[in-house]
Structure formats: C-alpha cells, structure tokens
Protein backbone atom coordinates (compact mmCIF):
# COMPACT_ATOMS: atom_id res chain seq x y z
CA MET A 1 0.00 0.00 0.00
CA SER A 2 1.30 3.44 -0.94
CA ARG A 3 0.48 6.57 1.04
CA ILE A 4 0.27 9.84 -0.88
CA GLU A 5 -0.36 13.38 0.32
CA ILE A 6 -2.08 16.05 -1.74
CA ALA A 7 -2.72 19.71 -0.99
CA PHE A 8 -5.97 20.20 0.91
CA GLY A 9 -6.96 23.34 2.77
CA ARG A 10 -4.08 24.70 4.83
CA ALA A 11 -2.49 21.25 5.14
CA HIS A 12 -2.55 17.98 3.20
CA LEU A 13 -4.88 15.05 2.69
CA ALA A 14 -3.25 11.66 3.25
CA VAL A 15 -4.55 8.84 1.04
CA ASP A 16 -3.60 5.17 1.30
CA LEU A 17 -3.77 3.84 -2.24
CA PRO A 18 -4.84 0.21 -2.73
CA PRO A 19 -2.06 -2.38 -3.23
CA GLU A 20 -2.89 -2.82 -6.91
CA ALA A 21 -2.26 0.87 -7.68
CA GLU A 22 0.95 1.86 -9.45
CA PRO A 23 1.24 5.57 -8.60
CA ARG A 24 3.13 8.10 -10.67
CA ILE A 25 3.75 11.28 -8.65
CA ILE A 26 3.81 14.33 -10.92
CA ARG A 27 5.49 17.46 -9.60
CA LYS A 28 7.41 20.36 -10.99
CA PRO A 29 11.17 19.89 -10.70
CA ASP A 30 12.69 21.54 -7.65
CA LEU A 31 13.31 25.20 -8.33
CA PRO A 32 16.13 26.91 -6.43
CA LYS A 33 14.70 29.14 -3.74
CA LEU A 34 15.98 32.70 -3.69
CA ALA A 35 18.38 32.88 -0.77
CA ASP A 36 17.54 36.54 -0.16
CA PRO A 37 14.01 37.22 -1.45
CA ARG A 38 13.94 40.85 -0.32
CA GLY A 39 17.33 41.42 -1.87
CA ALA A 40 16.12 39.88 -5.14
CA ILE A 41 13.11 42.21 -5.15
CA ALA A 42 15.34 45.22 -4.49
CA ALA A 43 17.58 44.18 -7.38
CA ALA A 44 14.59 43.76 -9.72
CA LEU A 45 13.27 47.22 -8.84
CA ALA A 46 16.72 48.73 -9.42
CA ALA A 47 17.45 46.90 -12.70
CA PRO A 48 14.12 46.39 -14.46
CA ILE A 49 13.28 44.88 -17.85
CA GLY A 50 12.41 47.38 -20.55
CA SER A 51 11.99 50.39 -18.28
CA ALA A 52 13.74 52.74 -15.88
CA SER A 53 14.19 51.78 -12.22
CA LEU A 54 11.29 52.28 -9.83
CA PRO A 55 12.87 55.38 -8.17
CA ARG A 56 13.30 56.98 -11.60
CA LEU A 57 9.78 56.04 -12.66
CA ALA A 58 8.40 57.60 -9.48
CA THR A 59 10.37 60.86 -9.73
CA GLY A 60 8.16 63.80 -10.64
CA ARG A 61 4.90 61.88 -10.19
CA ARG A 62 2.18 62.84 -7.73
CA SER A 63 0.08 59.67 -7.77
CA ALA A 64 0.56 55.93 -8.11
CA CYS A 65 -1.67 52.87 -8.14
CA ILE A 66 -0.36 49.40 -7.34
CA LEU A 67 -2.56 46.43 -8.26
CA ILE A 68 -2.46 43.29 -6.13
CA CYS A 69 -4.27 40.01 -6.74
CA ASP A 70 -7.14 39.00 -4.46
CA ILE A 71 -7.09 36.29 -1.79
CA THR A 72 -7.45 33.47 -4.34
CA ARG A 73 -3.78 33.89 -5.33
CA PRO A 74 -0.95 33.21 -2.84
CA VAL A 75 1.15 36.19 -3.98
CA PRO A 76 3.97 37.17 -1.56
CA ASN A 77 2.70 40.75 -1.17
CA HIS A 78 4.39 40.99 2.22
CA LEU A 79 7.78 40.88 0.52
CA PHE A 80 7.41 43.66 -2.03
CA LEU A 81 4.64 46.14 -1.20
CA ARG A 82 6.48 48.04 1.51
CA PRO A 83 9.78 48.46 -0.38
CA MET A 84 7.90 49.59 -3.48
CA ILE A 85 5.90 52.15 -1.52
CA GLU A 86 8.97 53.35 0.37
CA GLN A 87 10.83 53.94 -2.90
CA MET A 88 7.88 55.84 -4.32
CA MET A 89 7.64 58.04 -1.25
CA ALA A 90 11.40 58.65 -1.23
CA ALA A 91 11.11 59.77 -4.87
CA GLY A 92 8.47 62.35 -3.93
CA ILE A 93 5.06 60.68 -4.30
CA PRO A 94 3.09 61.54 -1.14
CA ALA A 95 1.64 58.66 0.87
CA ASP A 96 -1.88 59.98 0.28
CA GLY A 97 -1.21 59.82 -3.47
CA ILE A 98 -0.52 56.07 -3.40
CA THR A 99 -3.32 53.52 -3.71
CA VAL A 100 -3.08 49.76 -3.44
CA LEU A 101 -6.02 48.38 -5.42
CA VAL A 102 -7.13 44.77 -4.95
CA ALA A 103 -7.77 43.33 -8.43
CA THR A 104 -10.87 41.34 -7.60
CA GLY A 105 -12.28 41.08 -11.12
CA LEU A 106 -15.80 39.92 -10.37
CA HIS A 107 -14.82 38.09 -7.18
CA ARG A 108 -16.05 39.33 -3.82
CA PRO A 109 -14.03 42.00 -1.97
CA ASN A 110 -11.34 41.14 0.58
CA GLU A 111 -11.95 42.96 3.84
CA GLY A 112 -11.05 42.98 7.54
CA ALA A 113 -8.74 40.22 8.72
CA GLU A 114 -8.70 38.73 5.24
CA LEU A 115 -7.42 42.00 3.76
CA ALA A 116 -4.73 42.15 6.44
CA GLU A 117 -3.71 38.58 5.54
CA LEU A 118 -3.67 39.45 1.85
CA VAL A 119 -1.51 42.56 2.22
CA GLY A 120 0.71 40.85 4.77
CA ASP A 121 2.19 44.02 6.28
CA PRO A 122 0.40 46.30 8.77
CA TRP A 123 2.66 49.20 7.77
CA VAL A 124 1.14 49.21 4.28
CA LEU A 125 -2.42 49.35 5.62
CA GLU A 126 -1.47 52.17 7.98
CA THR A 127 0.48 54.22 5.43
CA VAL A 128 -1.44 54.20 2.14
CA ARG A 129 -4.98 53.65 0.94
CA VAL A 130 -5.88 50.00 0.27
CA VAL A 131 -9.20 49.43 -1.50
CA ASN A 132 -11.06 46.75 -3.45
CA HIS A 133 -12.10 46.93 -7.09
CA PHE A 134 -15.84 46.67 -7.70
CA ALA A 135 -16.51 45.70 -11.31
CA ARG A 136 -20.23 46.49 -11.12
CA ASN A 137 -19.82 50.12 -10.02
CA ASP A 138 -20.20 52.03 -13.30
CA GLU A 139 -18.94 55.31 -11.86
CA ASP A 140 -15.64 53.72 -10.78
CA HIS A 141 -14.50 53.17 -14.38
CA VAL A 142 -13.24 55.12 -17.36
CA ASP A 143 -14.30 54.22 -20.89
CA LEU A 144 -11.39 53.96 -23.33
CA GLY A 145 -13.34 52.63 -26.30
CA VAL A 146 -12.93 49.13 -27.69
CA THR A 147 -10.04 46.95 -28.76
CA PRO A 148 -9.30 47.10 -32.51
CA THR A 149 -9.26 43.36 -33.19
CA ARG A 150 -12.30 41.91 -31.45
CA GLY A 151 -14.13 44.96 -30.14
CA VAL A 152 -13.76 44.22 -26.44
CA PRO A 153 -14.94 47.23 -24.38
CA ILE A 154 -12.04 48.86 -22.54
CA ARG A 155 -13.51 50.02 -19.26
CA ILE A 156 -10.92 50.15 -16.47
CA ASN A 157 -10.97 51.23 -12.83
CA ARG A 158 -10.48 54.99 -12.67
CA LEU A 159 -7.98 54.80 -9.81
CA PHE A 160 -5.62 52.80 -12.00
CA ALA A 161 -6.32 54.41 -15.35
CA GLU A 162 -5.82 57.96 -14.06
CA ALA A 163 -2.80 57.32 -11.81
CA GLU A 164 0.45 58.90 -13.01
CA LEU A 165 2.35 55.70 -12.19
CA ARG A 166 0.60 52.37 -12.83
CA ILE A 167 2.02 49.08 -11.58
CA ALA A 168 0.45 45.62 -11.62
CA THR A 169 1.81 42.91 -9.34
CA GLY A 170 1.03 39.24 -9.27
CA LEU A 171 1.88 35.59 -9.56
CA VAL A 172 2.79 33.88 -12.84
CA GLU A 173 1.24 30.44 -12.98
CA PRO A 174 -0.71 28.43 -15.57
CA HIS A 175 -4.14 29.82 -16.35
CA PHE A 176 -6.64 27.59 -18.04
CA MET A 177 -7.93 30.29 -20.41
CA ALA A 178 -5.40 33.13 -20.60
CA GLY A 179 -2.35 30.85 -20.85
CA TRP A 180 -0.55 32.37 -17.87
CA SER A 181 -1.66 34.55 -14.99
CA GLY A 182 0.13 37.71 -13.92
CA GLY A 183 1.17 40.81 -15.85
CA ARG A 184 -1.53 42.08 -18.18
CA LYS A 185 -4.18 39.76 -16.67
CA VAL A 186 -4.08 41.66 -13.36
CA VAL A 187 -5.25 44.73 -15.29
CA ALA A 188 -7.95 43.01 -17.34
CA PRO A 189 -9.96 41.32 -16.01
CA GLY A 190 -8.45 42.23 -12.63
CA VAL A 191 -9.63 45.87 -12.50
CA ALA A 192 -11.97 45.91 -15.48
CA HIS A 193 -15.69 46.71 -15.66
CA HIS A 194 -18.09 43.79 -15.70
CA THR A 195 -18.85 44.31 -19.42
CA THR A 196 -15.16 43.88 -20.25
CA ILE A 197 -14.91 40.77 -18.10
CA ARG A 198 -18.11 39.24 -19.43
CA THR A 199 -16.95 39.81 -23.00
CA PHE A 200 -13.69 38.00 -22.26
CA HIS A 201 -15.67 35.09 -20.87
CA SER A 202 -18.18 34.74 -23.69
CA ALA A 203 -18.27 31.50 -25.65
CA ARG A 204 -16.39 32.96 -28.64
CA PHE A 205 -13.34 33.26 -26.38
CA MET A 206 -13.93 30.31 -24.07
CA GLU A 207 -14.42 27.77 -26.86
CA ASP A 208 -11.42 28.97 -28.88
CA PRO A 209 -8.95 26.06 -29.07
CA LEU A 210 -6.02 28.41 -28.44
CA ALA A 211 -7.49 29.82 -25.19
CA VAL A 212 -5.77 27.17 -23.09
CA GLN A 213 -3.20 26.92 -20.33
CA CYS A 214 0.44 27.70 -21.01
CA ASN A 215 -0.30 29.12 -24.46
CA LEU A 216 0.09 32.77 -25.46
CA VAL A 217 0.51 32.34 -29.21
CA GLY A 218 -2.77 33.14 -30.92
CA ASN A 219 -4.59 33.08 -27.59
CA PRO A 220 -7.48 35.55 -28.07
CA LEU A 221 -7.67 36.45 -24.38
CA HIS A 222 -3.97 37.27 -24.23
CA GLU A 223 -4.10 39.29 -27.42
CA GLU A 224 -7.01 41.40 -26.16
CA GLN A 225 -5.32 41.92 -22.79
CA LEU A 226 -2.25 43.26 -24.58
CA GLN A 227 -4.38 45.70 -26.56
CA ILE A 228 -6.00 46.95 -23.37
CA VAL A 229 -2.73 47.68 -21.57
CA ARG A 230 -1.38 49.41 -24.67
CA ARG A 231 -4.46 51.66 -24.75
CA LEU A 232 -3.75 52.66 -21.15
CA GLY A 233 -0.25 53.87 -21.97
CA ASP A 234 2.77 53.20 -19.76
CA VAL A 235 2.10 50.32 -17.39
CA TYR A 236 4.67 48.40 -15.35
CA ALA A 237 4.55 45.10 -13.51
CA LEU A 238 6.23 43.14 -10.77
CA ASN A 239 5.84 39.41 -11.41
CA THR A 240 6.64 36.63 -8.97
CA VAL A 241 7.02 32.86 -9.24
CA ILE A 242 6.77 30.62 -6.17
CA ASP A 243 7.48 26.95 -5.55
CA GLU A 244 5.26 24.29 -4.01
CA ALA A 245 6.19 25.52 -0.51
CA ARG A 246 5.07 29.05 -1.54
CA ASP A 247 8.65 30.36 -1.38
CA LEU A 248 9.90 32.91 -3.91
CA VAL A 249 12.00 31.47 -6.75
CA PHE A 250 11.83 34.32 -9.30
CA VAL A 251 10.92 37.99 -9.50
CA SER A 252 10.94 40.43 -12.39
CA PHE A 253 10.02 44.09 -12.66
CA GLY A 254 9.67 46.43 -15.61
CA GLU A 255 7.48 47.19 -18.61
CA ILE A 256 4.37 45.07 -18.16
CA VAL A 257 4.67 42.86 -21.27
CA ALA A 258 8.45 42.36 -21.19
CA SER A 259 8.62 41.64 -17.46
CA HIS A 260 5.73 39.20 -17.70
CA LEU A 261 7.31 37.30 -20.58
CA ALA A 262 10.53 37.00 -18.57
CA ALA A 263 8.64 35.31 -15.76
CA VAL A 264 6.80 33.04 -18.22
CA ALA A 265 10.10 32.02 -19.79
CA PHE A 266 11.44 31.11 -16.35
CA ILE A 267 8.52 28.94 -15.25
CA ASP A 268 7.27 27.48 -18.54
CA LYS A 269 9.50 24.41 -18.84
CA ALA A 270 9.25 23.60 -15.15
CA THR A 271 5.46 23.80 -15.13
CA ARG A 272 4.82 21.48 -18.07
CA VAL A 273 5.81 18.00 -16.97
CA ALA A 274 6.02 15.28 -19.62
CA VAL A 275 4.75 11.92 -18.36
CA GLY A 276 4.75 9.75 -21.48
CA ARG A 277 1.25 8.26 -21.28
CA GLN A 278 -2.39 8.76 -20.42
CA PHE A 279 -3.88 7.32 -17.25
CA GLY A 280 -7.19 5.70 -16.45
CA THR A 281 -7.09 7.32 -13.00
CA ILE A 282 -5.87 10.76 -11.93
CA VAL A 283 -5.80 12.01 -8.35
CA THR A 284 -5.30 15.74 -8.06
CA SER A 285 -6.07 18.72 -5.86
CA SER A 286 -7.24 22.30 -6.08
CA ALA A 287 -3.78 23.34 -4.79
CA GLY A 288 -4.95 23.77 -1.22
CA TYR A 289 -5.57 27.12 0.47
CA PRO A 290 -6.40 29.69 -0.79
CA LEU A 291 -7.40 28.26 -4.17
CA ASP A 292 -9.60 25.53 -2.71
CA LYS A 293 -11.74 27.88 -0.62
CA THR A 294 -14.64 27.47 -3.09
CA TYR A 295 -15.96 25.00 -5.60
CA TYR A 296 -15.80 27.80 -8.19
CA GLN A 297 -11.99 27.75 -8.06
CA THR A 298 -11.90 23.95 -7.89
CA VAL A 299 -12.89 23.67 -11.55
CA LYS A 300 -9.39 24.83 -12.52
CA GLY A 301 -7.90 21.65 -11.08
CA MET A 302 -10.28 19.57 -13.20
CA VAL A 303 -9.15 21.16 -16.45
CA THR A 304 -5.37 21.28 -16.00
CA PRO A 305 -4.55 17.54 -16.26
CA LEU A 306 -6.88 16.66 -19.14
CA ASP A 307 -4.06 15.92 -21.57
CA ILE A 308 -3.08 12.84 -19.55
CA LEU A 309 -6.59 11.58 -18.77
CA ALA A 310 -7.44 8.57 -20.89
CA PRO A 311 -10.84 8.89 -22.61
CA GLY A 312 -13.44 7.52 -20.23
CA GLY A 313 -10.99 7.58 -17.33
CA THR A 314 -11.61 8.92 -13.83
CA LEU A 315 -10.36 12.27 -12.56
CA ILE A 316 -10.57 12.46 -8.76
CA ILE A 317 -10.08 15.91 -7.26
CA ALA A 318 -9.84 16.83 -3.58
CA SER A 319 -10.87 20.35 -2.57
CA GLU A 320 -11.79 21.52 0.91
CA CYS A 321 -14.27 24.21 -0.27
CA SER A 322 -13.99 25.77 3.18
CA GLU A 323 -15.93 28.83 2.03
CA GLY A 324 -18.55 26.84 0.18
CA PHE A 325 -19.66 27.04 -3.41
CA GLY A 326 -18.86 30.48 -4.77
CA SER A 327 -21.09 33.31 -5.93
CA GLY A 328 -24.85 33.20 -6.29
CA GLU A 329 -24.43 33.61 -10.03
CA PHE A 330 -22.14 30.59 -10.22
CA LYS A 331 -24.59 28.56 -8.16
CA GLU A 332 -27.36 29.47 -10.61
CA ALA A 333 -25.20 28.51 -13.60
CA GLN A 334 -24.51 25.13 -12.01
CA ARG A 335 -28.20 24.67 -11.36
CA ARG A 336 -28.87 25.22 -15.08
CA LEU A 337 -26.12 22.74 -15.97
CA VAL A 338 -27.70 20.07 -13.79
CA GLU A 339 -31.20 20.78 -15.12
CA LEU A 340 -30.33 21.10 -18.82
CA GLY A 341 -27.39 18.74 -19.15
CA PRO A 342 -24.03 19.66 -20.74
CA ASP A 343 -25.10 19.91 -24.39
CA ARG A 344 -28.19 22.04 -23.85
CA PHE A 345 -26.36 24.24 -21.34
CA LEU A 346 -23.59 24.95 -23.87
CA ALA A 347 -26.18 25.74 -26.54
CA THR A 348 -27.55 28.54 -24.34
CA LEU A 349 -24.12 30.20 -24.27
CA THR A 350 -23.02 30.30 -27.88
CA ALA A 351 -25.27 33.16 -29.03
CA LYS A 352 -24.32 35.51 -26.19
CA SER A 353 -21.89 38.40 -26.68
CA LEU A 354 -21.79 38.93 -22.90
CA ALA A 355 -21.53 35.92 -20.63
CA GLU A 356 -23.61 35.88 -17.48
CA ILE A 357 -21.42 36.46 -14.43
CA ASP A 358 -19.50 33.36 -13.37
CA GLU A 359 -21.24 30.99 -15.80
CA TRP A 360 -17.88 30.74 -17.62
CA GLN A 361 -16.56 28.50 -14.86
CA THR A 362 -19.45 26.14 -15.48
CA GLU A 363 -18.60 26.25 -19.17
CA MET A 364 -15.01 25.26 -18.34
CA GLN A 365 -16.31 22.33 -16.30
CA LEU A 366 -17.83 20.92 -19.48
CA LYS A 367 -14.33 20.16 -20.80
CA PRO A 368 -13.42 17.48 -18.23
CA MET A 369 -17.00 16.18 -18.26
CA ARG A 370 -16.67 15.52 -21.99
CA LYS A 371 -13.58 13.40 -21.51
CA GLY A 372 -14.21 11.20 -18.49
CA ARG A 373 -15.74 10.66 -15.09
CA ILE A 374 -15.17 13.46 -12.57
CA GLN A 375 -15.27 12.71 -8.86
CA LEU A 376 -14.97 15.22 -6.02
CA TYR A 377 -13.83 14.71 -2.45
CA THR A 378 -14.74 17.67 -0.24
CA THR A 379 -15.60 18.46 3.36
CA GLY A 380 -17.07 21.91 2.77
CA LEU A 381 -20.29 21.33 0.80
CA ASP A 382 -23.65 20.15 2.09
CA ALA A 383 -25.89 17.72 0.21
CA GLU A 384 -27.70 20.46 -1.75
CA LEU A 385 -24.46 22.01 -2.98
CA ARG A 386 -22.91 18.64 -3.76
CA ALA A 387 -25.83 17.97 -6.08
CA LEU A 388 -25.21 21.26 -7.86
CA THR A 389 -21.59 20.42 -8.66
CA GLY A 390 -22.79 18.31 -11.56
CA VAL A 391 -20.08 15.73 -10.76
CA GLU A 392 -20.01 12.66 -8.56
CA THR A 393 -19.03 13.33 -4.93
CA ILE A 394 -17.18 10.63 -3.02
CA ALA A 395 -16.56 9.76 0.62
CA SER A 396 -13.15 8.13 0.12
CA VAL A 397 -10.40 8.89 -2.39
CA ALA A 398 -8.83 5.47 -1.81
CA ASP A 399 -12.09 3.65 -2.54
CA ALA A 400 -12.61 5.76 -5.67
CA VAL A 401 -9.13 4.85 -6.91
CA ARG A 402 -9.78 1.15 -6.31
CA ALA A 403 -13.07 1.30 -8.23
CA SER A 404 -11.48 3.24 -11.10
CA ILE A 405 -8.68 0.72 -11.50
CA ALA A 406 -11.21 -2.10 -11.57
CA ARG A 407 -13.35 -0.27 -14.13
CA THR A 408 -10.58 0.85 -16.49
CA GLY A 409 -8.16 -2.03 -16.08
CA ASP A 410 -5.30 0.47 -15.81
CA ARG A 411 -3.27 0.12 -12.60
CA GLY A 412 -1.37 3.33 -13.28
CA VAL A 413 -2.54 6.25 -11.13
CA ALA A 414 -1.31 9.77 -11.87
CA VAL A 415 -1.01 11.77 -8.63
CA ILE A 416 -0.70 15.56 -8.87
CA PRO A 417 -0.30 16.89 -5.31
CA GLU A 418 -0.12 20.57 -6.34
CA GLY A 419 -3.15 20.52 -8.60
CA PRO A 420 -3.46 23.23 -11.27
CA TYR A 421 0.00 24.67 -10.60
CA VAL A 422 1.42 21.70 -12.53
CA VAL A 423 0.52 20.95 -16.14
CA PRO A 424 1.16 17.30 -17.05
CA VAL A 425 1.41 16.52 -20.74
CA VAL A 426 1.78 13.35 -22.79
CA ALA A 427 5.15 13.39 -24.54
CA ALA A 428 7.14 10.64 -26.19
CA GLY A 429 10.18 9.52 -24.27
CA ALA A 430 9.15 11.09 -20.98
C-alpha cells in the first residue's frame, strides 16, 4: 500500500492507495529558492526589464496605483509592497497619493482580517490607501473605447487608469484560459468593468482552441489583454514565481509585457511535466488554500490535467471548499447545468456576446465532463451544494481509486499533489 499526500486546505490530505495501484507522482522539478528574497526584489526594482528603475519612474509623479491580486492567489505581497511604496515616497510621491487596489475582477471583496492577511504588512495598511475593485460600479470606471481586433470594451478602474504611475503585481502560474496569470491579466480582467470581463468570458473566447493553459501564441484572451494595456499607456509590472512551498523562486520588474514574458520564460518548462502516457485514473487537488476555498476555483484543477486523462478515465479531485460554493451567479449557472445537461447548457451560451457572471466557470467544467468521469472529495459542501456540482461526490479517495482501477483495467494512477499549478502533458520519451 502506498500513502500519498495532496494539498488540501491549509495542510494535506493523506490517502492510502490500494495495493494494486501503481502511482506516478507528478510534480514540478525543484526550483532553487531565492536565498535573499527581499534582496532579489530590491535588485529587480533597481534593474528592471524594458523600463527605468522604480525610483526613476516615481520621480516627478504625484500619484501611483499598485494592483495586487485578491485572496485566491498566494502572492507574496508581504515581501514587495512596503519596499515599493517606500521607494515611491522617497522619490516624492506623497503617501496619500498612493493607492493599493485589490484586483478582484468579479470576485467578492477582501476585507477585515482577510485584507490584512492578503496585504501581509500592517505598515502598508497604515500608510497608504488600500481598496477593493468593484466591477459592477459604473462610476468607478473610465471608458477607453474598444479593442481594434475583437471589439472588447475597454472600461478600467479609474484609480488605476488615471494614476500617473501604474504598476500591476502578481503571480505567474498556468491559467486555463489566458495561458498564464500575472502581468496584463491583473489589469484586465483584474480591475476591469463587468462588461469587459463578461466579453472575455463569452463562448467565442472560451471555446477557442487556443485559449488554453500555457499558451500565449494566438490566444485571443492574451491578445485582447495586450491591446487593453497598450491603450492605457505606460504600465509596469512586478511578477513573482513561487514553488510548491510558496517560497519565492523568481521575480521580475519592468514594462508590463516584457517583465511578464521573462517570468513566463522562467517557469514554462518547469510547469509542463512530460509523463509519457495517459492514465485511467488521476488524483489531483485544487492546490490547497487559498485556491480551494470554493468549488468555483476547484474547476481549474479539473481542467489542468486533461491531456493525460485517458478517454473515459476517472479524474478524482480533492478540494476543501472551506468557504462553500462560490457566488450566487455561479450557483445558478450550475443549477442550469444540472437541469439542462451539458449539451443544452452549452447551446444557451453560444449566441451571447456577454456571458452571465460566473457561468464561464461552469462552461469550463464541461471540458473534463466531456472526456471522463469526474469525482470530487470535499468536506465543505452540504448535500444540496454537492448535487449542484454536476459531478459525482465521493466519501473516500482510496475507494474511488480502487473502483477506477477495476473499471478501467489500468493500474497506473497519476497523482498531482499541487493541482493546477502543474501541467502534465503526454510526450514521447518522458
């Protein structure tokens, strides 16, 4: 019997696999931790990619807006926010001219103790203004027209658009639609109006075969995001990469596109792990806290390993869902999925130019459902919500593995402890 551990909540879930299982543990290769993370951040700010240093960028400016990701991303804000703000203030930007804006997209705001956890440094909260983005507040946005290629409305939070110095910060990791997170994605959809976000998530983007993880070439979401940041003018970014222990392994700063591509280049080969075959059984996670706080975020972990799932195989995902299901809109979309079935649900989406809020995550769930059997282990959903997942919920991961092996005849079990932060692919000779 083999014992495995996969990310679950703030700890791990231990699973004793049955004796007949032949597990293949799939992880990113070990990435060297930065011995001096704060020193690496200081060096990145002093020697940026494609731009002047942060002190030079801040000189002569009277306002600045720094974007940070919301609580669903484990970005090490505690390492870089204070030094960035201190350099801005030393260059002459007054503290009351600096805003830290939480790029919530259409997620709920982060407030109170959660905001303090997100920022990670009381000094920041005491020194500058820290506020959430609200995509549904029309008056909070400026209208910059539409993108030239696909006509996406460019409506961006006024605090960011009108700041004299604009900086996005974030985490570069695989994203199942935009290719990679971080950089331009923190701007749009991060601080975009709901019409911009809902256009991005319409079926014409979501069903595009190039709108997939780890791909930027021809990806319509990426291309539109680039057009939006170019319309804004000068925008800069600090991008981070972390390892499985959430320690910093890479940081870049500079012009938003160039600095983001540098981070992508660093993490790309490590993230895509060639495994050489498809499996009848996959055991994966939603990457633990904070990504597995809701079922909404859990869908990402279902999509990421699809390349190595054998047709008709079983994908077993463990997600705590400590905060429950997700938004009311997502719950309603899942209800429609369960009532209509996958084909009829998809048919209701294809004619829309604006997706309904959060139904895009349900649309993404259709992809794993088309390929195999999806099973969910969770401790955070009651019976009503389990029924709305549209997938089979299980009481034991080990029992589910045993049943899958018996059903498929494949003793190989792919185990992905870190969930959607690792992208396994079938490749000859792996």
